[in-house]
Amino acid sequence: MIGIAAQVSLYPLRQESLAPAIDEALAVFGEYNLDVKPGAMSSVIVGDDTAVFGALQEALRRAVGQGEIVMVVTFSNACPVSHEGSGNVERR
């Protein structure tokens, strides 16, 4: 298992409110015990690769259940990196 970071952007399409799908994705990331840094246009999640991919798959499933969406994800094993057990995210 390797530690990775993923920058995730979720864009609900043709939905009355953007918040439900985005809030649900953030909740999923929390359920997988990932470090989550929400932002205005995207969020960064950090954790073990298995947890990150599992969380992204579940977040996608739940978002699709609410309507049409676009999800964009960028992965890195270099920046930022979480120091195991500390919950802190910083650059190397």
PDB file of N, CA and C in Angstrom:
ATOM      1  N   MET A   1       0.831  -1.174   0.000  1.00  0.00           N
ATOM      2  CA  MET A   1       0.000   0.000   0.000  1.00  0.00           C
ATOM      3  C   MET A   1       0.883   1.247   0.000  1.00  0.00           C
ATOM      4  N   ILE A   2       0.451   2.235  -0.750  1.00  0.00           N
ATOM      5  CA  ILE A   2       1.216   3.480  -0.818  1.00  0.00           C
ATOM      6  C   ILE A   2       0.324   4.655  -0.439  1.00  0.00           C
ATOM      7  N   GLY A   3       0.930   5.665   0.110  1.00  0.00           N
ATOM      8  CA  GLY A   3       0.200   6.887   0.421  1.00  0.00           C
ATOM      9  C   GLY A   3       0.092   7.750  -0.823  1.00  0.00           C
ATOM     10  N   ILE A   4      -1.124   8.187  -1.114  1.00  0.00           N
ATOM     11  CA  ILE A   4      -1.337   9.055  -2.274  1.00  0.00           C
ATOM     12  C   ILE A   4      -2.269  10.202  -1.889  1.00  0.00           C
ATOM     13  N   ALA A   5      -2.236  11.222  -2.712  1.00  0.00           N
ATOM     14  CA  ALA A   5      -3.166  12.341  -2.612  1.00  0.00           C
ATOM     15  C   ALA A   5      -3.962  12.378  -3.913  1.00  0.00           C
ATOM     16  N   ALA A   6      -5.207  12.808  -3.801  1.00  0.00           N
ATOM     17  CA  ALA A   6      -6.046  12.969  -4.983  1.00  0.00           C
ATOM     18  C   ALA A   6      -6.777  14.298  -4.875  1.00  0.00           C
ATOM     19  N   GLN A   7      -6.683  15.097  -5.921  1.00  0.00           N
ATOM     20  CA  GLN A   7      -7.471  16.332  -5.996  1.00  0.00           C
ATOM     21  C   GLN A   7      -8.737  15.977  -6.753  1.00  0.00           C
ATOM     22  N   VAL A   8      -9.891  16.190  -6.104  1.00  0.00           N
ATOM     23  CA  VAL A   8     -11.173  15.746  -6.637  1.00  0.00           C
ATOM     24  C   VAL A   8     -12.078  16.948  -6.883  1.00  0.00           C
ATOM     25  N   SER A   9     -12.617  17.030  -8.086  1.00  0.00           N
ATOM     26  CA  SER A   9     -13.627  18.028  -8.414  1.00  0.00           C
ATOM     27  C   SER A   9     -14.883  17.285  -8.837  1.00  0.00           C
ATOM     28  N   LEU A  10     -16.005  17.636  -8.225  1.00  0.00           N
ATOM     29  CA  LEU A  10     -17.282  17.003  -8.534  1.00  0.00           C
ATOM     30  C   LEU A  10     -18.243  18.085  -9.004  1.00  0.00           C
ATOM     31  N   TYR A  11     -18.788  17.899 -10.202  1.00  0.00           N
ATOM     32  CA  TYR A  11     -19.683  18.877 -10.802  1.00  0.00           C
ATOM     33  C   TYR A  11     -21.045  18.235 -11.083  1.00  0.00           C
ATOM     34  N   PRO A  12     -22.023  18.437 -10.212  1.00  0.00           N
ATOM     35  CA  PRO A  12     -23.376  17.955 -10.497  1.00  0.00           C
ATOM     36  C   PRO A  12     -23.967  18.755 -11.667  1.00  0.00           C
ATOM     37  N   LEU A  13     -24.565  18.074 -12.613  1.00  0.00           N
ATOM     38  CA  LEU A  13     -25.140  18.720 -13.799  1.00  0.00           C
ATOM     39  C   LEU A  13     -26.665  18.682 -13.738  1.00  0.00           C
ATOM     40  N   ARG A  14     -27.282  19.756 -14.190  1.00  0.00           N
ATOM     41  CA  ARG A  14     -28.739  19.823 -14.303  1.00  0.00           C
ATOM     42  C   ARG A  14     -29.459  19.394 -13.023  1.00  0.00           C
ATOM     43  N   GLN A  15     -28.917  19.811 -11.875  1.00  0.00           N
ATOM     44  CA  GLN A  15     -29.538  19.530 -10.586  1.00  0.00           C
ATOM     45  C   GLN A  15     -29.894  20.849  -9.917  1.00  0.00           C
ATOM     46  N   GLU A  16     -30.977  20.868  -9.184  1.00  0.00           N
ATOM     47  CA  GLU A  16     -31.439  22.102  -8.541  1.00  0.00           C
ATOM     48  C   GLU A  16     -30.408  22.671  -7.591  1.00  0.00           C
ATOM     49  N   SER A  17     -29.698  21.795  -6.878  1.00  0.00           N
ATOM     50  CA  SER A  17     -28.688  22.234  -5.918  1.00  0.00           C
ATOM     51  C   SER A  17     -27.431  21.405  -6.102  1.00  0.00           C
ATOM     52  N   LEU A  18     -26.287  22.059  -6.031  1.00  0.00           N
ATOM     53  CA  LEU A  18     -25.010  21.359  -6.141  1.00  0.00           C
ATOM     54  C   LEU A  18     -24.618  20.687  -4.830  1.00  0.00           C
ATOM     55  N   ALA A  19     -25.065  21.237  -3.723  1.00  0.00           N
ATOM     56  CA  ALA A  19     -24.595  20.830  -2.400  1.00  0.00           C
ATOM     57  C   ALA A  19     -24.828  19.358  -2.050  1.00  0.00           C
ATOM     58  N   PRO A  20     -25.995  18.761  -2.323  1.00  0.00           N
ATOM     59  CA  PRO A  20     -26.205  17.384  -1.866  1.00  0.00           C
ATOM     60  C   PRO A  20     -25.154  16.390  -2.377  1.00  0.00           C
ATOM     61  N   ALA A  21     -24.841  16.425  -3.642  1.00  0.00           N
ATOM     62  CA  ALA A  21     -23.870  15.480  -4.207  1.00  0.00           C
ATOM     63  C   ALA A  21     -22.474  15.743  -3.648  1.00  0.00           C
ATOM     64  N   ILE A  22     -22.100  17.003  -3.521  1.00  0.00           N
ATOM     65  CA  ILE A  22     -20.774  17.350  -2.999  1.00  0.00           C
ATOM     66  C   ILE A  22     -20.680  16.987  -1.517  1.00  0.00           C
ATOM     67  N   ASP A  23     -21.702  17.303  -0.749  1.00  0.00           N
ATOM     68  CA  ASP A  23     -21.706  16.959   0.677  1.00  0.00           C
ATOM     69  C   ASP A  23     -21.627  15.447   0.874  1.00  0.00           C
ATOM     70  N   GLU A  24     -22.316  14.709   0.039  1.00  0.00           N
ATOM     71  CA  GLU A  24     -22.290  13.247   0.124  1.00  0.00           C
ATOM     72  C   GLU A  24     -20.885  12.719  -0.159  1.00  0.00           C
ATOM     73  N   ALA A  25     -20.213  13.270  -1.162  1.00  0.00           N
ATOM     74  CA  ALA A  25     -18.845  12.842  -1.472  1.00  0.00           C
ATOM     75  C   ALA A  25     -17.916  13.123  -0.290  1.00  0.00           C
ATOM     76  N   LEU A  26     -18.036  14.291   0.308  1.00  0.00           N
ATOM     77  CA  LEU A  26     -17.203  14.616   1.468  1.00  0.00           C
ATOM     78  C   LEU A  26     -17.485  13.666   2.630  1.00  0.00           C
ATOM     79  N   ALA A  27     -18.738  13.283   2.799  1.00  0.00           N
ATOM     80  CA  ALA A  27     -19.092  12.328   3.852  1.00  0.00           C
ATOM     81  C   ALA A  27     -18.446  10.969   3.585  1.00  0.00           C
ATOM     82  N   VAL A  28     -18.445  10.540   2.337  1.00  0.00           N
ATOM     83  CA  VAL A  28     -17.811   9.264   1.977  1.00  0.00           C
ATOM     84  C   VAL A  28     -16.324   9.313   2.314  1.00  0.00           C
ATOM     85  N   PHE A  29     -15.669  10.412   1.968  1.00  0.00           N
ATOM     86  CA  PHE A  29     -14.237  10.512   2.254  1.00  0.00           C
ATOM     87  C   PHE A  29     -13.979  10.394   3.755  1.00  0.00           C
ATOM     88  N   GLY A  30     -14.857  10.963   4.557  1.00  0.00           N
ATOM     89  CA  GLY A  30     -14.752  10.842   6.003  1.00  0.00           C
ATOM     90  C   GLY A  30     -14.961   9.417   6.475  1.00  0.00           C
ATOM     91  N   GLU A  31     -15.918   8.713   5.855  1.00  0.00           N
ATOM     92  CA  GLU A  31     -16.187   7.320   6.209  1.00  0.00           C
ATOM     93  C   GLU A  31     -14.972   6.427   5.975  1.00  0.00           C
ATOM     94  N   TYR A  32     -14.138   6.800   5.011  1.00  0.00           N
ATOM     95  CA  TYR A  32     -12.936   6.029   4.698  1.00  0.00           C
ATOM     96  C   TYR A  32     -11.719   6.524   5.479  1.00  0.00           C
ATOM     97  N   ASN A  33     -11.949   7.421   6.442  1.00  0.00           N
ATOM     98  CA  ASN A  33     -10.886   7.954   7.296  1.00  0.00           C
ATOM     99  C   ASN A  33      -9.733   8.588   6.531  1.00  0.00           C
ATOM    100  N   LEU A  34     -10.068   9.286   5.452  1.00  0.00           N
ATOM    101  CA  LEU A  34      -9.056   9.991   4.683  1.00  0.00           C
ATOM    102  C   LEU A  34      -8.853  11.385   5.264  1.00  0.00           C
ATOM    103  N   ASP A  35      -7.656  11.929   5.094  1.00  0.00           N
ATOM    104  CA  ASP A  35      -7.442  13.344   5.389  1.00  0.00           C
ATOM    105  C   ASP A  35      -8.131  14.111   4.270  1.00  0.00           C
ATOM    106  N   VAL A  36      -9.015  15.039   4.606  1.00  0.00           N
ATOM    107  CA  VAL A  36      -9.797  15.776   3.613  1.00  0.00           C
ATOM    108  C   VAL A  36      -9.562  17.262   3.796  1.00  0.00           C
ATOM    109  N   LYS A  37      -9.183  17.924   2.719  1.00  0.00           N
ATOM    110  CA  LYS A  37      -9.010  19.372   2.700  1.00  0.00           C
ATOM    111  C   LYS A  37      -9.957  19.943   1.654  1.00  0.00           C
ATOM    112  N   PRO A  38     -11.204  20.311   2.068  1.00  0.00           N
ATOM    113  CA  PRO A  38     -12.162  20.852   1.101  1.00  0.00           C
ATOM    114  C   PRO A  38     -11.739  22.233   0.612  1.00  0.00           C
ATOM    115  N   GLY A  39     -12.026  22.514  -0.638  1.00  0.00           N
ATOM    116  CA  GLY A  39     -11.741  23.822  -1.216  1.00  0.00           C
ATOM    117  C   GLY A  39     -12.949  24.335  -1.968  1.00  0.00           C
ATOM    118  N   ALA A  40     -12.819  25.528  -2.523  1.00  0.00           N
ATOM    119  CA  ALA A  40     -13.933  26.157  -3.229  1.00  0.00           C
ATOM    120  C   ALA A  40     -14.291  25.424  -4.527  1.00  0.00           C
ATOM    121  N   MET A  41     -13.296  24.897  -5.231  1.00  0.00           N
ATOM    122  CA  MET A  41     -13.551  24.242  -6.516  1.00  0.00           C
ATOM    123  C   MET A  41     -13.177  22.765  -6.530  1.00  0.00           C
ATOM    124  N   SER A  42     -12.414  22.329  -5.532  1.00  0.00           N
ATOM    125  CA  SER A  42     -12.010  20.927  -5.451  1.00  0.00           C
ATOM    126  C   SER A  42     -11.608  20.624  -4.016  1.00  0.00           C
ATOM    127  N   SER A  43     -11.449  19.355  -3.740  1.00  0.00           N
ATOM    128  CA  SER A  43     -10.979  18.917  -2.430  1.00  0.00           C
ATOM    129  C   SER A  43      -9.783  18.007  -2.637  1.00  0.00           C
ATOM    130  N   VAL A  44      -8.876  18.013  -1.667  1.00  0.00           N
ATOM    131  CA  VAL A  44      -7.740  17.105  -1.696  1.00  0.00           C
ATOM    132  C   VAL A  44      -7.977  16.053  -0.624  1.00  0.00           C
ATOM    133  N   ILE A  45      -7.851  14.797  -1.028  1.00  0.00           N
ATOM    134  CA  ILE A  45      -7.963  13.688  -0.080  1.00  0.00           C
ATOM    135  C   ILE A  45      -6.628  12.963  -0.055  1.00  0.00           C
ATOM    136  N   VAL A  46      -6.232  12.527   1.134  1.00  0.00           N
ATOM    137  CA  VAL A  46      -4.938  11.878   1.297  1.00  0.00           C
ATOM    138  C   VAL A  46      -5.123  10.628   2.135  1.00  0.00           C
ATOM    139  N   GLY A  47      -4.478   9.543   1.710  1.00  0.00           N
ATOM    140  CA  GLY A  47      -4.536   8.303   2.470  1.00  0.00           C
ATOM    141  C   GLY A  47      -3.890   7.171   1.716  1.00  0.00           C
ATOM    142  N   ASP A  48      -4.108   5.982   2.222  1.00  0.00           N
ATOM    143  CA  ASP A  48      -3.629   4.769   1.581  1.00  0.00           C
ATOM    144  C   ASP A  48      -4.330   4.610   0.239  1.00  0.00           C
ATOM    145  N   ASP A  49      -3.596   4.154  -0.777  1.00  0.00           N
ATOM    146  CA  ASP A  49      -4.172   4.062  -2.119  1.00  0.00           C
ATOM    147  C   ASP A  49      -5.447   3.224  -2.160  1.00  0.00           C
ATOM    148  N   THR A  50      -5.504   2.146  -1.406  1.00  0.00           N
ATOM    149  CA  THR A  50      -6.697   1.310  -1.398  1.00  0.00           C
ATOM    150  C   THR A  50      -7.901   2.075  -0.862  1.00  0.00           C
ATOM    151  N   ALA A  51      -7.705   2.831   0.199  1.00  0.00           N
ATOM    152  CA  ALA A  51      -8.796   3.628   0.775  1.00  0.00           C
ATOM    153  C   ALA A  51      -9.205   4.756  -0.166  1.00  0.00           C
ATOM    154  N   VAL A  52      -8.231   5.421  -0.788  1.00  0.00           N
ATOM    155  CA  VAL A  52      -8.538   6.525  -1.702  1.00  0.00           C
ATOM    156  C   VAL A  52      -9.363   6.024  -2.885  1.00  0.00           C
ATOM    157  N   PHE A  53      -8.936   4.932  -3.513  1.00  0.00           N
ATOM    158  CA  PHE A  53      -9.677   4.411  -4.669  1.00  0.00           C
ATOM    159  C   PHE A  53     -11.051   3.894  -4.264  1.00  0.00           C
ATOM    160  N   GLY A  54     -11.137   3.247  -3.107  1.00  0.00           N
ATOM    161  CA  GLY A  54     -12.436   2.772  -2.626  1.00  0.00           C
ATOM    162  C   GLY A  54     -13.393   3.921  -2.358  1.00  0.00           C
ATOM    163  N   ALA A  55     -12.884   4.971  -1.725  1.00  0.00           N
ATOM    164  CA  ALA A  55     -13.710   6.141  -1.418  1.00  0.00           C
ATOM    165  C   ALA A  55     -14.169   6.833  -2.697  1.00  0.00           C
ATOM    166  N   LEU A  56     -13.280   6.959  -3.669  1.00  0.00           N
ATOM    167  CA  LEU A  56     -13.656   7.598  -4.934  1.00  0.00           C
ATOM    168  C   LEU A  56     -14.724   6.788  -5.662  1.00  0.00           C
ATOM    169  N   GLN A  57     -14.595   5.476  -5.641  1.00  0.00           N
ATOM    170  CA  GLN A  57     -15.600   4.636  -6.292  1.00  0.00           C
ATOM    171  C   GLN A  57     -16.949   4.790  -5.607  1.00  0.00           C
ATOM    172  N   GLU A  58     -16.964   4.781  -4.276  1.00  0.00           N
ATOM    173  CA  GLU A  58     -18.223   4.927  -3.545  1.00  0.00           C
ATOM    174  C   GLU A  58     -18.808   6.326  -3.739  1.00  0.00           C
ATOM    175  N   ALA A  59     -17.971   7.354  -3.713  1.00  0.00           N
ATOM    176  CA  ALA A  59     -18.454   8.723  -3.921  1.00  0.00           C
ATOM    177  C   ALA A  59     -19.068   8.871  -5.313  1.00  0.00           C
ATOM    178  N   LEU A  60     -18.437   8.269  -6.313  1.00  0.00           N
ATOM    179  CA  LEU A  60     -18.977   8.312  -7.679  1.00  0.00           C
ATOM    180  C   LEU A  60     -20.330   7.611  -7.738  1.00  0.00           C
ATOM    181  N   ARG A  61     -20.433   6.440  -7.134  1.00  0.00           N
ATOM    182  CA  ARG A  61     -21.709   5.707  -7.136  1.00  0.00           C
ATOM    183  C   ARG A  61     -22.826   6.531  -6.504  1.00  0.00           C
ATOM    184  N   ARG A  62     -22.535   7.129  -5.357  1.00  0.00           N
ATOM    185  CA  ARG A  62     -23.570   7.907  -4.669  1.00  0.00           C
ATOM    186  C   ARG A  62     -23.933   9.169  -5.448  1.00  0.00           C
ATOM    187  N   ALA A  63     -22.952   9.820  -6.057  1.00  0.00           N
ATOM    188  CA  ALA A  63     -23.228  11.040  -6.831  1.00  0.00           C
ATOM    189  C   ALA A  63     -24.064  10.720  -8.061  1.00  0.00           C
ATOM    190  N   VAL A  64     -23.741   9.627  -8.742  1.00  0.00           N
ATOM    191  CA  VAL A  64     -24.505   9.213  -9.926  1.00  0.00           C
ATOM    192  C   VAL A  64     -25.943   8.889  -9.540  1.00  0.00           C
ATOM    193  N   GLY A  65     -26.140   8.397  -8.332  1.00  0.00           N
ATOM    194  CA  GLY A  65     -27.487   8.100  -7.855  1.00  0.00           C
ATOM    195  C   GLY A  65     -28.344   9.338  -7.691  1.00  0.00           C
ATOM    196  N   GLN A  66     -27.713  10.506  -7.641  1.00  0.00           N
ATOM    197  CA  GLN A  66     -28.451  11.762  -7.492  1.00  0.00           C
ATOM    198  C   GLN A  66     -28.674  12.485  -8.816  1.00  0.00           C
ATOM    199  N   GLY A  67     -28.050  12.007  -9.881  1.00  0.00           N
ATOM    200  CA  GLY A  67     -28.219  12.648 -11.178  1.00  0.00           C
ATOM    201  C   GLY A  67     -26.924  12.633 -11.971  1.00  0.00           C
ATOM    202  N   GLU A  68     -26.916  13.399 -13.041  1.00  0.00           N
ATOM    203  CA  GLU A  68     -25.738  13.469 -13.909  1.00  0.00           C
ATOM    204  C   GLU A  68     -24.631  14.267 -13.229  1.00  0.00           C
ATOM    205  N   ILE A  69     -23.408  13.792 -13.392  1.00  0.00           N
ATOM    206  CA  ILE A  69     -22.265  14.463 -12.762  1.00  0.00           C
ATOM    207  C   ILE A  69     -21.038  14.376 -13.666  1.00  0.00           C
ATOM    208  N   VAL A  70     -20.063  15.207 -13.376  1.00  0.00           N
ATOM    209  CA  VAL A  70     -18.712  15.077 -13.913  1.00  0.00           C
ATOM    210  C   VAL A  70     -17.799  15.038 -12.703  1.00  0.00           C
ATOM    211  N   MET A  71     -16.887  14.055 -12.662  1.00  0.00           N
ATOM    212  CA  MET A  71     -15.893  13.975 -11.596  1.00  0.00           C
ATOM    213  C   MET A  71     -14.513  13.977 -12.240  1.00  0.00           C
ATOM    214  N   VAL A  72     -13.653  14.859 -11.777  1.00  0.00           N
ATOM    215  CA  VAL A  72     -12.288  14.960 -12.272  1.00  0.00           C
ATOM    216  C   VAL A  72     -11.354  14.681 -11.099  1.00  0.00           C
ATOM    217  N   VAL A  73     -10.373  13.777 -11.305  1.00  0.00           N
ATOM    218  CA  VAL A  73      -9.461  13.405 -10.231  1.00  0.00           C
ATOM    219  C   VAL A  73      -8.027  13.433 -10.753  1.00  0.00           C
ATOM    220  N   THR A  74      -7.138  14.049  -9.974  1.00  0.00           N
ATOM    221  CA  THR A  74      -5.714  14.058 -10.260  1.00  0.00           C
ATOM    222  C   THR A  74      -5.005  13.394  -9.090  1.00  0.00           C
ATOM    223  N   PHE A  75      -4.123  12.431  -9.380  1.00  0.00           N
ATOM    224  CA  PHE A  75      -3.431  11.676  -8.335  1.00  0.00           C
ATOM    225  C   PHE A  75      -1.970  12.082  -8.236  1.00  0.00           C
ATOM    226  N   SER A  76      -1.427  11.980  -7.007  1.00  0.00           N
ATOM    227  CA  SER A  76      -0.004  12.224  -6.779  1.00  0.00           C
ATOM    228  C   SER A  76       0.483  11.377  -5.614  1.00  0.00           C
ATOM    229  N   ASN A  77       1.704  10.886  -5.720  1.00  0.00           N
ATOM    230  CA  ASN A  77       2.333  10.239  -4.574  1.00  0.00           C
ATOM    231  C   ASN A  77       3.443  11.127  -4.017  1.00  0.00           C
ATOM    232  N   ALA A  78       3.484  12.378  -4.480  1.00  0.00           N
ATOM    233  CA  ALA A  78       4.561  13.279  -4.080  1.00  0.00           C
ATOM    234  C   ALA A  78       4.084  14.543  -3.376  1.00  0.00           C
ATOM    235  N   CYS A  79       2.945  15.087  -3.740  1.00  0.00           N
ATOM    236  CA  CYS A  79       2.518  16.342  -3.133  1.00  0.00           C
ATOM    237  C   CYS A  79       1.005  16.455  -3.126  1.00  0.00           C
ATOM    238  N   PRO A  80       0.420  16.846  -2.019  1.00  0.00           N
ATOM    239  CA  PRO A  80       1.006  16.822  -0.676  1.00  0.00           C
ATOM    240  C   PRO A  80       1.031  15.397  -0.137  1.00  0.00           C
ATOM    241  N   VAL A  81       1.772  15.179   0.921  1.00  0.00           N
ATOM    242  CA  VAL A  81       1.877  13.856   1.521  1.00  0.00           C
ATOM    243  C   VAL A  81       1.443  13.944   2.975  1.00  0.00           C
ATOM    244  N   SER A  82       0.714  12.955   3.429  1.00  0.00           N
ATOM    245  CA  SER A  82       0.283  12.912   4.822  1.00  0.00           C
ATOM    246  C   SER A  82       1.309  12.138   5.626  1.00  0.00           C
ATOM    247  N   HIS A  83       1.678  12.679   6.781  1.00  0.00           N
ATOM    248  CA  HIS A  83       2.562  11.935   7.671  1.00  0.00           C
ATOM    249  C   HIS A  83       1.715  10.962   8.449  1.00  0.00           C
ATOM    250  N   GLU A  84       2.006   9.672   8.289  1.00  0.00           N
ATOM    251  CA  GLU A  84       1.173   8.614   8.847  1.00  0.00           C
ATOM    252  C   GLU A  84       0.856   8.842  10.311  1.00  0.00           C
ATOM    253  N   GLY A  85      -0.437   8.773  10.613  1.00  0.00           N
ATOM    254  CA  GLY A  85      -0.890   8.872  11.985  1.00  0.00           C
ATOM    255  C   GLY A  85      -1.082  10.274  12.495  1.00  0.00           C
ATOM    256  N   SER A  86      -0.516  11.285  11.840  1.00  0.00           N
ATOM    257  CA  SER A  86      -0.606  12.637  12.375  1.00  0.00           C
ATOM    258  C   SER A  86      -1.828  13.378  11.870  1.00  0.00           C
ATOM    259  N   GLY A  87      -2.351  12.966  10.698  1.00  0.00           N
ATOM    260  CA  GLY A  87      -3.471  13.680  10.118  1.00  0.00           C
ATOM    261  C   GLY A  87      -3.070  14.993   9.471  1.00  0.00           C
ATOM    262  N   ASN A  88      -1.778  15.328   9.521  1.00  0.00           N
ATOM    263  CA  ASN A  88      -1.295  16.568   8.934  1.00  0.00           C
ATOM    264  C   ASN A  88      -0.863  16.340   7.493  1.00  0.00           C
ATOM    265  N   VAL A  89      -1.140  17.314   6.655  1.00  0.00           N
ATOM    266  CA  VAL A  89      -0.740  17.241   5.262  1.00  0.00           C
ATOM    267  C   VAL A  89       0.256  18.352   5.024  1.00  0.00           C
ATOM    268  N   GLU A  90       1.392  17.986   4.448  1.00  0.00           N
ATOM    269  CA  GLU A  90       2.388  19.011   4.125  1.00  0.00           C
ATOM    270  C   GLU A  90       3.204  18.568   2.939  1.00  0.00           C
ATOM    271  N   ARG A  91       3.938  19.505   2.362  1.00  0.00           N
ATOM    272  CA  ARG A  91       4.785  19.213   1.204  1.00  0.00           C
ATOM    273  C   ARG A  91       6.111  18.612   1.656  1.00  0.00           C
ATOM    274  N   ARG A  92       6.679  17.797   0.785  1.00  0.00           N
ATOM    275  CA  ARG A  92       8.037  17.264   1.032  1.00  0.00           C
ATOM    276  C   ARG A  92       9.044  18.215   0.458  1.00  0.00           C
TER     277      ARG A  92
END
